[in-house]
C-alpha cells in the first residue's frame, strides 16, 4: 500500500506542525548526508524554525563551506520556492526533471 499524498500547505495545528518539522528535518539531513557521501560533494544545510532556533548540517566544516559559498561569483543553478513548487505540480513533473538532467548526446 502506498503512502497518502498530502497537500503542501501550512499545517495549522501547532503540535502536528512541530512533529512534521522534526521528522522532515531529520529526513532532509539524512538525504543531505547520503548525497554528500554518494556524490562526494560538500553540503551545508541551514534551517531556522518558526521560533528562530537554528539547526544546521554540514558534510564538512560549516565555516569552510560557507566561506567557499561567499567567495563564489555566480551559482551554477538557483532554486527558489516557486521553481520547486513547479516540480510538485504532477502534470509538469516530467518536464521539470527533464530540464534538470544534463543533455545526453545521441538521445
N, C-alpha and C. Protein backbone atom coordinates (compact mmCIF):
# COMPACT_ATOMS: atom_id res chain seq x y z
N UNK A 1 0.84 -1.17 0.00
CA UNK A 1 0.00 0.00 0.00
C UNK A 1 0.89 1.24 0.00
N UNK A 2 0.61 2.18 -0.89
CA UNK A 2 1.40 3.40 -0.99
C UNK A 2 1.03 4.42 0.07
N UNK A 3 1.86 5.42 0.14
CA UNK A 3 1.58 6.49 1.10
C UNK A 3 0.56 7.46 0.53
N UNK A 4 -0.20 8.04 1.42
CA UNK A 4 -1.21 9.01 1.03
C UNK A 4 -0.53 10.34 0.68
N UNK A 5 -0.92 10.91 -0.44
CA UNK A 5 -0.38 12.22 -0.83
C UNK A 5 -0.98 13.29 0.06
N UNK A 6 -0.12 14.20 0.52
CA UNK A 6 -0.61 15.29 1.34
C UNK A 6 -0.61 16.57 0.53
N UNK A 7 -1.46 17.47 0.91
CA UNK A 7 -1.50 18.77 0.26
C UNK A 7 -0.40 19.63 0.89
N UNK A 8 0.43 20.23 0.05
CA UNK A 8 1.53 21.04 0.55
C UNK A 8 1.02 22.44 0.88
N UNK A 9 0.74 22.63 2.15
CA UNK A 9 0.31 23.92 2.67
C UNK A 9 0.64 23.94 4.15
N UNK A 10 0.63 25.11 4.75
CA UNK A 10 0.98 25.26 6.16
C UNK A 10 0.06 24.42 7.03
N UNK A 11 0.66 23.71 7.98
CA UNK A 11 -0.11 22.89 8.92
C UNK A 11 -0.60 23.82 10.03
N UNK A 12 -1.91 23.86 10.23
CA UNK A 12 -2.48 24.81 11.18
C UNK A 12 -2.32 24.37 12.63
N UNK A 13 -2.40 23.07 12.89
CA UNK A 13 -2.27 22.57 14.26
C UNK A 13 -0.81 22.64 14.70
N UNK A 14 -0.55 23.37 15.79
CA UNK A 14 0.82 23.61 16.28
C UNK A 14 1.57 22.32 16.56
N UNK A 15 0.92 21.39 17.25
CA UNK A 15 1.58 20.13 17.62
C UNK A 15 1.93 19.31 16.38
N UNK A 16 0.98 19.17 15.46
CA UNK A 16 1.23 18.43 14.22
C UNK A 16 2.33 19.09 13.39
N UNK A 17 2.33 20.42 13.38
CA UNK A 17 3.37 21.14 12.64
C UNK A 17 4.75 20.86 13.22
N UNK A 18 4.86 20.84 14.56
CA UNK A 18 6.14 20.58 15.21
C UNK A 18 6.61 19.15 14.95
N UNK A 19 5.70 18.20 15.03
CA UNK A 19 6.04 16.79 14.76
C UNK A 19 6.51 16.63 13.32
N UNK A 20 5.79 17.24 12.39
CA UNK A 20 6.16 17.17 10.98
C UNK A 20 7.52 17.83 10.74
N UNK A 21 7.74 18.98 11.38
CA UNK A 21 9.03 19.67 11.25
C UNK A 21 10.17 18.76 11.70
N UNK A 22 10.02 18.15 12.86
CA UNK A 22 11.07 17.30 13.41
C UNK A 22 11.36 16.11 12.49
N UNK A 23 10.32 15.45 12.02
CA UNK A 23 10.50 14.29 11.15
C UNK A 23 11.13 14.69 9.81
N UNK A 24 10.61 15.75 9.21
CA UNK A 24 11.12 16.15 7.90
C UNK A 24 12.51 16.76 7.98
N UNK A 25 12.82 17.42 9.08
CA UNK A 25 14.17 17.96 9.29
C UNK A 25 15.16 16.81 9.32
N UNK A 26 14.85 15.77 10.06
CA UNK A 26 15.71 14.60 10.12
C UNK A 26 15.85 13.96 8.73
N UNK A 27 14.74 13.82 8.02
CA UNK A 27 14.77 13.25 6.67
C UNK A 27 15.61 14.06 5.72
N UNK A 28 15.50 15.39 5.82
CA UNK A 28 16.28 16.27 4.96
C UNK A 28 17.77 16.15 5.26
N UNK A 29 18.12 16.09 6.54
CA UNK A 29 19.53 15.93 6.91
C UNK A 29 20.07 14.58 6.48
N UNK A 30 19.24 13.54 6.57
CA UNK A 30 19.66 12.22 6.12
C UNK A 30 19.92 12.24 4.61
N UNK A 31 19.05 12.87 3.84
CA UNK A 31 19.24 12.98 2.39
C UNK A 31 20.49 13.78 2.06
N UNK A 32 20.74 14.85 2.82
CA UNK A 32 21.95 15.65 2.60
C UNK A 32 23.19 14.81 2.86
N UNK A 33 23.18 14.03 3.94
CA UNK A 33 24.30 13.15 4.25
C UNK A 33 24.52 12.13 3.12
N UNK A 34 23.44 11.49 2.68
CA UNK A 34 23.55 10.49 1.62
C UNK A 34 24.10 11.10 0.35
N UNK A 35 23.63 12.28 -0.02
CA UNK A 35 24.11 12.95 -1.22
C UNK A 35 25.60 13.27 -1.10
N UNK A 36 26.02 13.74 0.07
CA UNK A 36 27.43 14.09 0.25
C UNK A 36 28.33 12.86 0.16
N UNK A 37 27.88 11.73 0.69
CA UNK A 37 28.69 10.50 0.65
C UNK A 37 28.68 9.89 -0.75
N UNK A 38 27.50 9.73 -1.33
CA UNK A 38 27.39 9.08 -2.63
C UNK A 38 28.05 9.87 -3.75
N UNK A 39 27.96 11.19 -3.69
CA UNK A 39 28.43 12.03 -4.80
C UNK A 39 29.69 12.81 -4.45
N UNK A 40 30.26 12.58 -3.28
CA UNK A 40 31.49 13.24 -2.86
C UNK A 40 31.39 14.76 -3.03
N UNK A 41 30.36 15.34 -2.43
CA UNK A 41 30.17 16.78 -2.53
C UNK A 41 30.05 17.38 -1.13
N UNK A 42 30.29 18.68 -1.06
CA UNK A 42 30.16 19.40 0.21
C UNK A 42 28.76 19.99 0.30
N UNK A 43 28.15 19.83 1.45
CA UNK A 43 26.78 20.31 1.65
C UNK A 43 26.70 21.08 2.96
N UNK A 44 26.02 22.21 2.91
CA UNK A 44 25.70 22.97 4.12
C UNK A 44 24.19 23.20 4.11
N UNK A 45 23.57 22.84 5.19
CA UNK A 45 22.12 22.96 5.31
C UNK A 45 21.83 23.80 6.55
N UNK A 46 21.09 24.89 6.37
CA UNK A 46 20.77 25.80 7.47
C UNK A 46 19.25 25.90 7.56
N UNK A 47 18.72 25.66 8.75
CA UNK A 47 17.27 25.70 8.96
C UNK A 47 16.97 26.55 10.19
N UNK A 48 16.05 27.49 10.05
CA UNK A 48 15.51 28.22 11.19
C UNK A 48 14.05 27.81 11.34
N UNK A 49 13.67 27.39 12.54
CA UNK A 49 12.26 27.02 12.73
C UNK A 49 11.42 28.27 13.00
N UNK A 50 10.14 28.07 13.29
CA UNK A 50 9.23 29.20 13.48
C UNK A 50 9.59 30.07 14.67
N UNK A 51 10.33 29.53 15.64
CA UNK A 51 10.75 30.34 16.79
C UNK A 51 12.23 30.75 16.69
N UNK A 52 12.74 30.75 15.47
CA UNK A 52 14.10 31.18 15.14
C UNK A 52 15.21 30.37 15.80
N UNK A 53 14.95 29.10 16.09
CA UNK A 53 16.01 28.21 16.54
C UNK A 53 16.77 27.73 15.31
N UNK A 54 18.09 27.70 15.43
CA UNK A 54 18.94 27.32 14.30
C UNK A 54 19.27 25.84 14.36
N UNK A 55 19.12 25.18 13.21
CA UNK A 55 19.54 23.79 13.03
C UNK A 55 20.44 23.78 11.81
N UNK A 56 21.54 23.06 11.90
CA UNK A 56 22.45 23.04 10.75
C UNK A 56 23.06 21.66 10.57
N UNK A 57 23.40 21.38 9.32
CA UNK A 57 24.12 20.17 8.95
C UNK A 57 25.19 20.59 7.96
N UNK A 58 26.37 20.06 8.11
CA UNK A 58 27.43 20.28 7.13
C UNK A 58 28.17 18.98 6.94
N UNK A 59 28.45 18.65 5.69
CA UNK A 59 29.16 17.41 5.39
C UNK A 59 30.63 17.52 5.80
N UNK A 60 31.14 18.73 5.83
CA UNK A 60 32.49 19.01 6.32
C UNK A 60 32.36 20.16 7.31
N UNK A 61 33.36 20.98 7.44
CA UNK A 61 33.31 22.11 8.36
C UNK A 61 32.37 23.19 7.81
N UNK A 62 31.37 23.57 8.59
CA UNK A 62 30.38 24.55 8.16
C UNK A 62 31.03 25.86 7.75
N UNK A 63 31.98 26.35 8.54
CA UNK A 63 32.64 27.63 8.23
C UNK A 63 33.36 27.57 6.89
N UNK A 64 34.01 26.46 6.59
CA UNK A 64 34.72 26.33 5.31
C UNK A 64 33.75 26.31 4.13
N UNK A 65 32.63 25.62 4.30
CA UNK A 65 31.63 25.56 3.23
C UNK A 65 31.02 26.94 3.00
N UNK A 66 30.70 27.66 4.08
CA UNK A 66 30.12 28.99 3.94
C UNK A 66 31.12 29.98 3.36
N UNK A 67 32.39 29.85 3.72
CA UNK A 67 33.41 30.72 3.14
C UNK A 67 33.52 30.47 1.64
N UNK A 68 33.50 29.21 1.24
CA UNK A 68 33.54 28.87 -0.18
C UNK A 68 32.33 29.47 -0.90
N UNK A 69 31.16 29.42 -0.25
CA UNK A 69 29.94 29.98 -0.82
C UNK A 69 30.07 31.49 -1.03
N UNK A 70 30.60 32.20 -0.04
CA UNK A 70 30.70 33.66 -0.15
C UNK A 70 31.73 34.09 -1.19
N UNK A 71 32.68 33.22 -1.51
CA UNK A 71 33.71 33.56 -2.49
C UNK A 71 33.25 33.30 -3.93
N UNK A 72 32.13 32.62 -4.11
CA UNK A 72 31.62 32.34 -5.45
C UNK A 72 30.96 33.58 -6.04
N UNK A 73 31.14 33.77 -7.34
CA UNK A 73 30.50 34.90 -8.02
C UNK A 73 29.06 34.59 -8.38
N UNK A 74 28.85 33.48 -9.08
CA UNK A 74 27.52 33.14 -9.56
C UNK A 74 27.29 31.65 -9.41
N UNK A 75 26.17 31.23 -8.85
CA UNK A 75 25.91 29.80 -8.71
C UNK A 75 25.60 29.15 -10.06
N UNK A 76 25.85 27.86 -10.14
CA UNK A 76 25.54 27.08 -11.35
C UNK A 76 24.03 27.01 -11.56
N UNK A 77 23.28 26.78 -10.47
CA UNK A 77 21.83 26.71 -10.52
C UNK A 77 21.26 27.40 -9.28
N UNK A 78 20.09 28.00 -9.44
CA UNK A 78 19.40 28.63 -8.32
C UNK A 78 17.97 28.10 -8.30
N UNK A 79 17.55 27.60 -7.14
CA UNK A 79 16.17 27.14 -6.98
C UNK A 79 15.52 27.94 -5.87
N UNK A 80 14.33 28.41 -6.14
CA UNK A 80 13.54 29.13 -5.15
C UNK A 80 12.22 28.38 -4.98
N UNK A 81 11.44 28.80 -4.03
CA UNK A 81 10.20 28.12 -3.72
C UNK A 81 9.32 27.92 -4.95
N UNK A 82 9.22 28.93 -5.80
CA UNK A 82 8.34 28.83 -6.96
C UNK A 82 8.81 27.77 -7.95
N UNK A 83 10.13 27.60 -8.13
CA UNK A 83 10.61 26.59 -9.07
C UNK A 83 10.43 25.18 -8.51
N UNK A 84 10.54 25.04 -7.21
CA UNK A 84 10.31 23.73 -6.59
C UNK A 84 8.83 23.40 -6.61
N UNK A 85 7.99 24.39 -6.37
CA UNK A 85 6.54 24.20 -6.44
C UNK A 85 6.14 23.77 -7.84
N UNK A 86 6.81 24.32 -8.85
CA UNK A 86 6.57 23.94 -10.24
C UNK A 86 6.80 22.45 -10.41
N UNK A 87 7.84 21.93 -9.77
CA UNK A 87 8.16 20.50 -9.85
C UNK A 87 7.06 19.66 -9.23
N UNK A 88 6.47 20.15 -8.17
CA UNK A 88 5.46 19.37 -7.45
C UNK A 88 4.14 19.27 -8.19
N UNK A 89 3.95 20.09 -9.18
CA UNK A 89 2.73 20.02 -9.98
C UNK A 89 2.82 18.75 -10.83
N UNK A 90 1.93 17.79 -10.60
CA UNK A 90 2.03 16.47 -11.24
C UNK A 90 2.13 16.54 -12.76
N UNK A 91 1.39 17.40 -13.40
CA UNK A 91 1.39 17.41 -14.86
C UNK A 91 2.68 18.00 -15.42
N UNK A 92 3.44 18.71 -14.61
CA UNK A 92 4.68 19.32 -15.09
C UNK A 92 5.93 18.62 -14.54
N UNK A 93 5.74 17.60 -13.72
CA UNK A 93 6.87 16.97 -13.02
C UNK A 93 7.90 16.41 -14.00
N UNK A 94 7.46 15.72 -15.05
CA UNK A 94 8.41 15.15 -16.02
C UNK A 94 9.19 16.25 -16.72
N UNK A 95 8.53 17.34 -17.07
CA UNK A 95 9.21 18.44 -17.75
C UNK A 95 10.26 19.06 -16.85
N UNK A 96 9.97 19.18 -15.56
CA UNK A 96 10.94 19.76 -14.63
C UNK A 96 12.15 18.85 -14.48
N UNK A 97 11.90 17.54 -14.31
CA UNK A 97 13.02 16.60 -14.18
C UNK A 97 13.87 16.60 -15.44
N UNK A 98 13.22 16.67 -16.60
CA UNK A 98 13.96 16.69 -17.86
C UNK A 98 14.81 17.95 -17.97
N UNK A 99 14.30 19.06 -17.46
CA UNK A 99 15.06 20.31 -17.50
C UNK A 99 16.28 20.24 -16.59
N UNK A 100 16.20 19.47 -15.52
CA UNK A 100 17.32 19.35 -14.59
C UNK A 100 18.41 18.42 -15.11
N UNK A 101 18.04 17.43 -15.93
CA UNK A 101 19.02 16.47 -16.42
C UNK A 101 19.91 17.13 -17.46
N UNK A 102 21.22 16.84 -17.39
CA UNK A 102 22.10 17.36 -18.44
C UNK A 102 21.77 16.67 -19.76
N UNK A 103 21.96 17.39 -20.84
CA UNK A 103 21.69 16.85 -22.16
C UNK A 103 22.64 15.70 -22.46
N UNK A 104 22.09 14.60 -22.95
CA UNK A 104 22.90 13.44 -23.30
C UNK A 104 22.94 13.35 -24.82
N UNK A 105 24.15 13.49 -25.42
CA UNK A 105 24.25 13.43 -26.88
C UNK A 105 23.76 12.09 -27.42
N UNK A 106 23.06 12.13 -28.54
CA UNK A 106 22.60 10.92 -29.20
C UNK A 106 21.30 10.36 -28.66
N UNK A 107 20.62 11.08 -27.79
CA UNK A 107 19.33 10.61 -27.25
C UNK A 107 18.22 11.52 -27.64
